[in-house]
Amino acid sequence: MQGEGTSTIGGTNGTQQVEGAGGALRAEVASAPREIRLDVEAIRLRVRLGCQPAERAVPQDVEVKIGIRFAELPPACWTDLLEDTVCYAELATLAREHVRGREFRLIERLALELYGLVRKRLPRGARLALTVTKLAPPVPELERGVRFTIADD
C-alpha cells in the first residue's frame, strides 16, 4: 500500500492504488486501462501559410488536432486538479502565440514546429499524434483541405 499523499499507478499484481487529496480519495483499479487518451479535435489558428508570397499575404484558417496517449492515468483522474494533467487551453495558446506574426511555406514545417512545442509539455511515456489541416488550399480539385500528421506510433 502507498503512503499518504502518493500517486503511484501500476502495482505488481495489476492493481493500481492511488491516494490523493490528503488521502481522502482512494481508487483501486483491477486492471490498467488499455488506452488512456486526451484528444483535442480542432484548434483553429490563423496562419500565413503557402508556397507563394501572395498566398502567405493573407492569414488563412488551419486546424490542429492533437492526440495524446498517456502511459498511465494522469494524477488529475484522482486529484481533479488542472496542474495534474495536460491543459489543452495552454496548448491552444502556445500554438496561437507560436504562429503569430510568422510565415510558413508548408504545412509540414508548421506541423513539425507545433509537434515540438506540444511534445515538451507531455509527461514521460506519453505518445503524441499531431495533425495540421490546411482547410482551403488554392487547388480547385481539393474539396476538404489537406492534412499532414506527425505521430509517435
N, C-alpha and C. Protein backbone atom coordinates (compact mmCIF):
# COMPACT_ATOMS: atom_id res chain seq x y z
N MET A 1 0.85 -1.18 0.00
CA MET A 1 0.00 0.00 0.00
C MET A 1 0.89 1.24 0.00
N GLN A 2 0.45 2.27 -0.69
CA GLN A 2 1.20 3.50 -0.81
C GLN A 2 1.02 4.38 0.42
N GLY A 3 2.02 5.20 0.67
CA GLY A 3 1.94 6.15 1.77
C GLY A 3 1.01 7.29 1.44
N GLU A 4 0.62 8.04 2.46
CA GLU A 4 -0.33 9.13 2.26
C GLU A 4 0.26 10.20 1.37
N GLY A 5 -0.56 10.71 0.46
CA GLY A 5 -0.14 11.78 -0.43
C GLY A 5 0.60 11.29 -1.66
N THR A 6 0.75 9.99 -1.84
CA THR A 6 1.47 9.49 -3.00
C THR A 6 0.51 9.25 -4.16
N SER A 7 1.08 9.09 -5.34
CA SER A 7 0.27 8.85 -6.52
C SER A 7 1.02 7.88 -7.41
N THR A 8 0.91 6.61 -7.11
CA THR A 8 1.62 5.59 -7.87
C THR A 8 0.60 4.72 -8.59
N ILE A 9 0.90 4.43 -9.84
CA ILE A 9 0.00 3.63 -10.63
C ILE A 9 0.79 2.45 -11.18
N GLY A 10 0.20 1.26 -11.13
CA GLY A 10 0.86 0.09 -11.70
C GLY A 10 1.50 -0.79 -10.66
N GLY A 11 0.73 -1.50 -9.91
CA GLY A 11 1.25 -2.41 -8.90
C GLY A 11 1.71 -3.71 -9.53
N THR A 12 2.36 -4.56 -8.74
CA THR A 12 2.90 -5.81 -9.26
C THR A 12 1.82 -6.81 -9.61
N ASN A 13 0.65 -6.72 -9.01
CA ASN A 13 -0.43 -7.67 -9.29
C ASN A 13 -1.48 -7.11 -10.25
N GLY A 14 -1.17 -5.99 -10.92
CA GLY A 14 -2.10 -5.39 -11.84
C GLY A 14 -3.08 -4.44 -11.18
N THR A 15 -3.05 -4.35 -9.86
CA THR A 15 -3.92 -3.44 -9.14
C THR A 15 -3.25 -2.09 -9.03
N GLN A 16 -4.01 -1.04 -9.26
CA GLN A 16 -3.49 0.31 -9.13
C GLN A 16 -4.07 0.94 -7.88
N GLN A 17 -3.23 1.47 -7.04
CA GLN A 17 -3.69 2.13 -5.83
C GLN A 17 -3.20 3.57 -5.85
N VAL A 18 -4.09 4.48 -5.61
CA VAL A 18 -3.75 5.88 -5.62
C VAL A 18 -4.41 6.55 -4.44
N GLU A 19 -3.65 7.33 -3.73
CA GLU A 19 -4.19 8.16 -2.67
C GLU A 19 -3.85 9.58 -3.01
N GLY A 20 -4.78 10.43 -2.92
CA GLY A 20 -4.55 11.84 -3.22
C GLY A 20 -5.48 12.67 -2.37
N ALA A 21 -5.36 13.96 -2.54
CA ALA A 21 -6.19 14.91 -1.80
C ALA A 21 -6.14 14.60 -0.31
N GLY A 22 -4.91 14.44 0.22
CA GLY A 22 -4.74 14.18 1.65
C GLY A 22 -5.21 12.80 2.06
N GLY A 23 -5.25 11.86 1.15
CA GLY A 23 -5.69 10.51 1.48
C GLY A 23 -7.19 10.34 1.48
N ALA A 24 -7.93 11.41 1.16
CA ALA A 24 -9.39 11.33 1.20
C ALA A 24 -9.96 10.53 0.03
N LEU A 25 -9.23 10.47 -1.05
CA LEU A 25 -9.72 9.75 -2.22
C LEU A 25 -8.77 8.60 -2.52
N ARG A 26 -9.32 7.40 -2.62
CA ARG A 26 -8.51 6.22 -2.91
C ARG A 26 -9.21 5.42 -4.00
N ALA A 27 -8.47 5.05 -5.01
CA ALA A 27 -9.07 4.27 -6.09
C ALA A 27 -8.23 3.03 -6.33
N GLU A 28 -8.90 1.91 -6.46
CA GLU A 28 -8.24 0.67 -6.83
C GLU A 28 -8.84 0.21 -8.14
N VAL A 29 -7.99 0.04 -9.13
CA VAL A 29 -8.43 -0.40 -10.44
C VAL A 29 -7.91 -1.81 -10.63
N ALA A 30 -8.81 -2.76 -10.91
CA ALA A 30 -8.42 -4.17 -11.01
C ALA A 30 -7.41 -4.41 -12.11
N SER A 31 -7.50 -3.70 -13.22
CA SER A 31 -6.51 -3.83 -14.28
C SER A 31 -6.34 -2.47 -14.94
N ALA A 32 -5.14 -2.26 -15.45
CA ALA A 32 -4.85 -0.97 -16.07
C ALA A 32 -5.67 -0.82 -17.35
N PRO A 33 -6.21 0.37 -17.62
CA PRO A 33 -6.93 0.60 -18.87
C PRO A 33 -6.00 0.36 -20.06
N ARG A 34 -6.56 -0.15 -21.15
CA ARG A 34 -5.76 -0.44 -22.33
C ARG A 34 -5.33 0.83 -23.06
N GLU A 35 -6.17 1.84 -23.02
CA GLU A 35 -5.83 3.08 -23.70
C GLU A 35 -6.31 4.26 -22.88
N ILE A 36 -5.42 5.22 -22.70
CA ILE A 36 -5.72 6.43 -21.94
C ILE A 36 -5.38 7.60 -22.85
N ARG A 37 -6.39 8.32 -23.32
CA ARG A 37 -6.19 9.34 -24.33
C ARG A 37 -6.81 10.68 -23.95
N LEU A 38 -6.19 11.72 -24.45
CA LEU A 38 -6.77 13.05 -24.48
C LEU A 38 -6.72 13.49 -25.93
N ASP A 39 -7.87 13.79 -26.51
CA ASP A 39 -7.95 14.22 -27.90
C ASP A 39 -8.47 15.64 -27.97
N VAL A 40 -7.71 16.50 -28.60
CA VAL A 40 -8.12 17.88 -28.87
C VAL A 40 -8.44 17.89 -30.36
N GLU A 41 -9.71 17.94 -30.69
CA GLU A 41 -10.16 17.73 -32.06
C GLU A 41 -9.75 18.82 -33.04
N ALA A 42 -9.84 20.08 -32.64
CA ALA A 42 -9.54 21.13 -33.61
C ALA A 42 -9.22 22.45 -32.91
N ILE A 43 -7.97 22.81 -32.94
CA ILE A 43 -7.55 24.15 -32.52
C ILE A 43 -7.47 24.98 -33.81
N ARG A 44 -8.30 25.99 -33.92
CA ARG A 44 -8.34 26.81 -35.13
C ARG A 44 -7.33 27.94 -34.99
N LEU A 45 -6.44 28.05 -35.99
CA LEU A 45 -5.41 29.08 -36.00
C LEU A 45 -5.49 29.86 -37.31
N ARG A 46 -5.14 31.14 -37.24
CA ARG A 46 -4.98 31.98 -38.44
C ARG A 46 -3.49 32.05 -38.72
N VAL A 47 -3.09 31.55 -39.89
CA VAL A 47 -1.67 31.41 -40.21
C VAL A 47 -1.39 31.94 -41.61
N ARG A 48 -0.26 32.60 -41.74
CA ARG A 48 0.23 32.99 -43.07
C ARG A 48 0.97 31.78 -43.61
N LEU A 49 0.30 31.06 -44.51
CA LEU A 49 0.78 29.76 -44.97
C LEU A 49 0.59 29.62 -46.47
N GLY A 50 1.64 29.21 -47.17
CA GLY A 50 1.51 28.95 -48.60
C GLY A 50 2.85 29.02 -49.30
N CYS A 51 2.92 28.33 -50.42
CA CYS A 51 4.16 28.29 -51.20
C CYS A 51 4.52 29.65 -51.79
N GLN A 52 3.51 30.36 -52.26
CA GLN A 52 3.74 31.64 -52.94
C GLN A 52 3.51 32.82 -51.98
N PRO A 53 4.27 33.90 -52.14
CA PRO A 53 4.08 35.08 -51.29
C PRO A 53 2.65 35.61 -51.29
N ALA A 54 1.97 35.56 -52.42
CA ALA A 54 0.59 36.06 -52.47
C ALA A 54 -0.33 35.24 -51.56
N GLU A 55 -0.10 33.94 -51.47
CA GLU A 55 -0.92 33.10 -50.59
C GLU A 55 -0.62 33.38 -49.12
N ARG A 56 0.63 33.66 -48.83
CA ARG A 56 1.02 33.97 -47.44
C ARG A 56 0.63 35.38 -47.01
N ALA A 57 0.27 36.23 -47.97
CA ALA A 57 -0.04 37.64 -47.66
C ALA A 57 -1.26 37.77 -46.76
N VAL A 58 -2.20 36.84 -46.86
CA VAL A 58 -3.43 36.90 -46.07
C VAL A 58 -3.50 35.67 -45.17
N PRO A 59 -3.64 35.86 -43.86
CA PRO A 59 -3.75 34.70 -42.97
C PRO A 59 -4.95 33.83 -43.34
N GLN A 60 -4.78 32.53 -43.21
CA GLN A 60 -5.86 31.58 -43.51
C GLN A 60 -6.05 30.64 -42.34
N ASP A 61 -7.20 30.03 -42.29
CA ASP A 61 -7.52 29.11 -41.21
C ASP A 61 -6.86 27.75 -41.43
N VAL A 62 -6.27 27.24 -40.36
CA VAL A 62 -5.82 25.86 -40.30
C VAL A 62 -6.36 25.28 -39.01
N GLU A 63 -6.49 23.96 -38.98
CA GLU A 63 -6.88 23.28 -37.75
C GLU A 63 -5.75 22.36 -37.32
N VAL A 64 -5.55 22.33 -36.01
CA VAL A 64 -4.54 21.46 -35.42
C VAL A 64 -5.28 20.46 -34.52
N LYS A 65 -5.06 19.19 -34.80
CA LYS A 65 -5.63 18.12 -33.99
C LYS A 65 -4.49 17.50 -33.19
N ILE A 66 -4.73 17.31 -31.90
CA ILE A 66 -3.72 16.74 -31.01
C ILE A 66 -4.30 15.52 -30.33
N GLY A 67 -3.59 14.42 -30.43
CA GLY A 67 -3.96 13.20 -29.73
C GLY A 67 -2.82 12.79 -28.80
N ILE A 68 -3.13 12.66 -27.53
CA ILE A 68 -2.12 12.30 -26.53
C ILE A 68 -2.52 10.96 -25.93
N ARG A 69 -1.64 10.00 -26.00
CA ARG A 69 -1.89 8.70 -25.37
C ARG A 69 -0.95 8.61 -24.17
N PHE A 70 -1.56 8.58 -22.99
CA PHE A 70 -0.79 8.54 -21.75
C PHE A 70 -0.32 7.12 -21.46
N ALA A 71 0.85 7.01 -20.85
CA ALA A 71 1.38 5.71 -20.44
C ALA A 71 0.63 5.19 -19.22
N GLU A 72 0.10 6.11 -18.43
CA GLU A 72 -0.67 5.75 -17.23
C GLU A 72 -1.69 6.84 -16.97
N LEU A 73 -2.66 6.52 -16.13
CA LEU A 73 -3.68 7.51 -15.81
C LEU A 73 -3.03 8.76 -15.22
N PRO A 74 -3.39 9.95 -15.75
CA PRO A 74 -2.85 11.18 -15.16
C PRO A 74 -3.35 11.34 -13.73
N PRO A 75 -2.53 11.88 -12.84
CA PRO A 75 -2.97 12.10 -11.46
C PRO A 75 -4.27 12.90 -11.35
N ALA A 76 -4.58 13.72 -12.35
CA ALA A 76 -5.80 14.52 -12.33
C ALA A 76 -7.06 13.65 -12.26
N CYS A 77 -6.95 12.39 -12.66
CA CYS A 77 -8.10 11.49 -12.54
C CYS A 77 -8.56 11.38 -11.09
N TRP A 78 -7.62 11.54 -10.15
CA TRP A 78 -7.95 11.44 -8.73
C TRP A 78 -7.99 12.79 -8.04
N THR A 79 -7.07 13.68 -8.44
CA THR A 79 -6.98 14.96 -7.74
C THR A 79 -7.99 15.98 -8.23
N ASP A 80 -8.44 15.83 -9.49
CA ASP A 80 -9.35 16.79 -10.11
C ASP A 80 -8.71 18.17 -10.22
N LEU A 81 -7.38 18.20 -10.35
CA LEU A 81 -6.64 19.45 -10.44
C LEU A 81 -6.04 19.60 -11.83
N LEU A 82 -6.19 20.78 -12.42
CA LEU A 82 -5.70 21.05 -13.75
C LEU A 82 -4.19 20.87 -13.86
N GLU A 83 -3.46 21.24 -12.83
CA GLU A 83 -2.00 21.12 -12.88
C GLU A 83 -1.51 19.66 -12.89
N ASP A 84 -2.42 18.72 -12.69
CA ASP A 84 -2.05 17.30 -12.70
C ASP A 84 -2.34 16.61 -14.03
N THR A 85 -2.58 17.42 -15.08
CA THR A 85 -2.82 16.85 -16.40
C THR A 85 -2.29 17.80 -17.46
N VAL A 86 -2.52 17.48 -18.72
CA VAL A 86 -2.13 18.36 -19.82
C VAL A 86 -3.29 19.33 -20.06
N CYS A 87 -3.00 20.61 -19.99
CA CYS A 87 -4.01 21.65 -20.15
C CYS A 87 -4.16 21.98 -21.64
N TYR A 88 -5.31 21.63 -22.21
CA TYR A 88 -5.49 21.88 -23.64
C TYR A 88 -5.65 23.37 -23.94
N ALA A 89 -6.12 24.16 -23.00
CA ALA A 89 -6.19 25.61 -23.22
C ALA A 89 -4.76 26.17 -23.36
N GLU A 90 -3.85 25.65 -22.56
CA GLU A 90 -2.44 26.07 -22.65
C GLU A 90 -1.85 25.67 -24.00
N LEU A 91 -2.18 24.48 -24.49
CA LEU A 91 -1.68 24.04 -25.80
C LEU A 91 -2.21 24.95 -26.90
N ALA A 92 -3.48 25.34 -26.83
CA ALA A 92 -4.06 26.23 -27.84
C ALA A 92 -3.38 27.59 -27.81
N THR A 93 -3.14 28.12 -26.63
CA THR A 93 -2.46 29.41 -26.50
C THR A 93 -1.04 29.33 -27.03
N LEU A 94 -0.34 28.27 -26.69
CA LEU A 94 1.03 28.07 -27.18
C LEU A 94 1.08 28.06 -28.70
N ALA A 95 0.17 27.31 -29.31
CA ALA A 95 0.13 27.22 -30.77
C ALA A 95 -0.18 28.58 -31.39
N ARG A 96 -1.17 29.27 -30.85
CA ARG A 96 -1.55 30.58 -31.38
C ARG A 96 -0.39 31.57 -31.28
N GLU A 97 0.29 31.60 -30.15
CA GLU A 97 1.42 32.51 -29.98
C GLU A 97 2.58 32.14 -30.89
N HIS A 98 2.76 30.85 -31.14
CA HIS A 98 3.88 30.41 -31.98
C HIS A 98 3.72 30.87 -33.43
N VAL A 99 2.50 30.88 -33.94
CA VAL A 99 2.30 31.24 -35.34
C VAL A 99 2.09 32.74 -35.55
N ARG A 100 1.80 33.46 -34.49
CA ARG A 100 1.52 34.89 -34.59
C ARG A 100 2.72 35.62 -35.20
N GLY A 101 2.47 36.37 -36.27
CA GLY A 101 3.50 37.19 -36.89
C GLY A 101 4.53 36.41 -37.71
N ARG A 102 4.29 35.13 -37.93
CA ARG A 102 5.24 34.31 -38.70
C ARG A 102 4.60 33.85 -40.00
N GLU A 103 5.47 33.41 -40.90
CA GLU A 103 5.02 32.84 -42.16
C GLU A 103 5.58 31.43 -42.31
N PHE A 104 4.79 30.56 -42.93
CA PHE A 104 5.20 29.20 -43.21
C PHE A 104 4.88 28.90 -44.66
N ARG A 105 5.79 28.25 -45.36
CA ARG A 105 5.53 27.86 -46.74
C ARG A 105 4.75 26.55 -46.81
N LEU A 106 5.05 25.63 -45.88
CA LEU A 106 4.48 24.29 -45.96
C LEU A 106 3.83 23.86 -44.65
N ILE A 107 2.77 23.06 -44.73
CA ILE A 107 2.15 22.55 -43.52
C ILE A 107 3.08 21.56 -42.81
N GLU A 108 3.98 20.94 -43.56
CA GLU A 108 4.93 20.02 -42.94
C GLU A 108 5.81 20.74 -41.91
N ARG A 109 6.28 21.92 -42.27
CA ARG A 109 7.12 22.71 -41.35
C ARG A 109 6.31 23.18 -40.14
N LEU A 110 5.11 23.67 -40.41
CA LEU A 110 4.24 24.12 -39.33
C LEU A 110 3.94 22.97 -38.37
N ALA A 111 3.62 21.80 -38.90
CA ALA A 111 3.31 20.64 -38.06
C ALA A 111 4.52 20.24 -37.21
N LEU A 112 5.69 20.22 -37.80
CA LEU A 112 6.89 19.83 -37.04
C LEU A 112 7.16 20.80 -35.89
N GLU A 113 7.04 22.08 -36.13
CA GLU A 113 7.27 23.06 -35.06
C GLU A 113 6.25 22.92 -33.94
N LEU A 114 4.98 22.75 -34.30
CA LEU A 114 3.95 22.60 -33.28
C LEU A 114 4.12 21.28 -32.52
N TYR A 115 4.49 20.24 -33.23
CA TYR A 115 4.77 18.95 -32.59
C TYR A 115 5.85 19.11 -31.50
N GLY A 116 6.92 19.81 -31.83
CA GLY A 116 7.99 20.04 -30.85
C GLY A 116 7.52 20.81 -29.63
N LEU A 117 6.69 21.82 -29.84
CA LEU A 117 6.15 22.61 -28.72
C LEU A 117 5.28 21.75 -27.80
N VAL A 118 4.39 20.98 -28.40
CA VAL A 118 3.47 20.16 -27.61
C VAL A 118 4.23 19.04 -26.90
N ARG A 119 5.14 18.39 -27.59
CA ARG A 119 5.91 17.27 -27.03
C ARG A 119 6.58 17.67 -25.71
N LYS A 120 7.09 18.89 -25.62
CA LYS A 120 7.77 19.37 -24.41
C LYS A 120 6.82 19.45 -23.21
N ARG A 121 5.52 19.52 -23.45
CA ARG A 121 4.53 19.68 -22.38
C ARG A 121 3.96 18.36 -21.87
N LEU A 122 4.38 17.26 -22.46
CA LEU A 122 3.78 15.97 -22.11
C LEU A 122 4.55 15.24 -21.02
N PRO A 123 3.85 14.44 -20.23
CA PRO A 123 4.54 13.64 -19.21
C PRO A 123 5.36 12.52 -19.86
N ARG A 124 6.32 12.03 -19.12
CA ARG A 124 7.17 10.95 -19.59
C ARG A 124 6.33 9.74 -19.99
N GLY A 125 6.66 9.16 -21.13
CA GLY A 125 5.96 7.98 -21.60
C GLY A 125 4.74 8.26 -22.46
N ALA A 126 4.30 9.50 -22.51
CA ALA A 126 3.14 9.84 -23.34
C ALA A 126 3.53 9.83 -24.81
N ARG A 127 2.57 9.45 -25.65
CA ARG A 127 2.79 9.43 -27.09
C ARG A 127 1.90 10.50 -27.72
N LEU A 128 2.41 11.08 -28.80
CA LEU A 128 1.73 12.22 -29.41
C LEU A 128 1.46 11.98 -30.88
N ALA A 129 0.29 12.39 -31.32
CA ALA A 129 -0.05 12.49 -32.74
C ALA A 129 -0.59 13.89 -32.96
N LEU A 130 0.00 14.60 -33.93
CA LEU A 130 -0.41 15.97 -34.21
C LEU A 130 -0.68 16.09 -35.71
N THR A 131 -1.84 16.63 -36.05
CA THR A 131 -2.23 16.81 -37.45
C THR A 131 -2.54 18.28 -37.71
N VAL A 132 -1.98 18.82 -38.78
CA VAL A 132 -2.33 20.16 -39.25
C VAL A 132 -3.13 20.00 -40.53
N THR A 133 -4.29 20.65 -40.56
CA THR A 133 -5.15 20.62 -41.74
C THR A 133 -5.23 22.02 -42.33
N LYS A 134 -4.81 22.13 -43.56
CA LYS A 134 -4.99 23.38 -44.31
C LYS A 134 -6.38 23.28 -44.94
N LEU A 135 -7.29 24.10 -44.47
CA LEU A 135 -8.70 23.94 -44.79
C LEU A 135 -9.06 24.31 -46.23
N ALA A 136 -8.38 25.30 -46.80
CA ALA A 136 -8.76 25.76 -48.14
C ALA A 136 -7.52 26.04 -48.99
N PRO A 137 -6.78 25.00 -49.34
CA PRO A 137 -5.62 25.24 -50.20
C PRO A 137 -6.07 25.72 -51.59
N PRO A 138 -5.25 26.52 -52.26
CA PRO A 138 -5.67 27.10 -53.54
C PRO A 138 -5.52 26.12 -54.71
N VAL A 139 -6.09 24.95 -54.54
CA VAL A 139 -6.08 23.93 -55.60
C VAL A 139 -7.54 23.56 -55.84
N PRO A 140 -8.07 23.91 -57.02
CA PRO A 140 -9.50 23.73 -57.27
C PRO A 140 -10.00 22.30 -57.04
N GLU A 141 -9.20 21.31 -57.30
CA GLU A 141 -9.65 19.92 -57.19
C GLU A 141 -9.74 19.42 -55.75
N LEU A 142 -9.19 20.13 -54.80
CA LEU A 142 -9.20 19.69 -53.40
C LEU A 142 -10.47 20.19 -52.73
N GLU A 143 -11.29 19.26 -52.28
CA GLU A 143 -12.59 19.58 -51.71
C GLU A 143 -12.55 19.87 -50.21
N ARG A 144 -11.81 19.09 -49.45
CA ARG A 144 -11.86 19.21 -47.99
C ARG A 144 -10.50 19.46 -47.37
N GLY A 145 -9.67 20.16 -48.06
CA GLY A 145 -8.38 20.52 -47.50
C GLY A 145 -7.35 19.42 -47.62
N VAL A 146 -6.25 19.65 -46.93
CA VAL A 146 -5.13 18.71 -46.94
C VAL A 146 -4.55 18.64 -45.54
N ARG A 147 -4.10 17.44 -45.15
CA ARG A 147 -3.59 17.22 -43.78
C ARG A 147 -2.19 16.66 -43.81
N PHE A 148 -1.44 17.03 -42.77
CA PHE A 148 -0.13 16.43 -42.54
C PHE A 148 -0.08 16.02 -41.06
N THR A 149 0.33 14.77 -40.80
CA THR A 149 0.34 14.23 -39.44
C THR A 149 1.74 13.75 -39.08
N ILE A 150 2.14 14.05 -37.84
CA ILE A 150 3.35 13.51 -37.24
C ILE A 150 2.89 12.77 -35.99
N ALA A 151 3.28 11.49 -35.87
CA ALA A 151 2.82 10.68 -34.74
C ALA A 151 3.95 9.81 -34.22
N ASP A 152 3.96 9.61 -32.91
CA ASP A 152 4.94 8.74 -32.27
C ASP A 152 4.70 7.28 -32.58
N ASP A 153 3.48 6.90 -32.87
CA ASP A 153 3.14 5.49 -33.10
C ASP A 153 3.65 5.00 -34.43
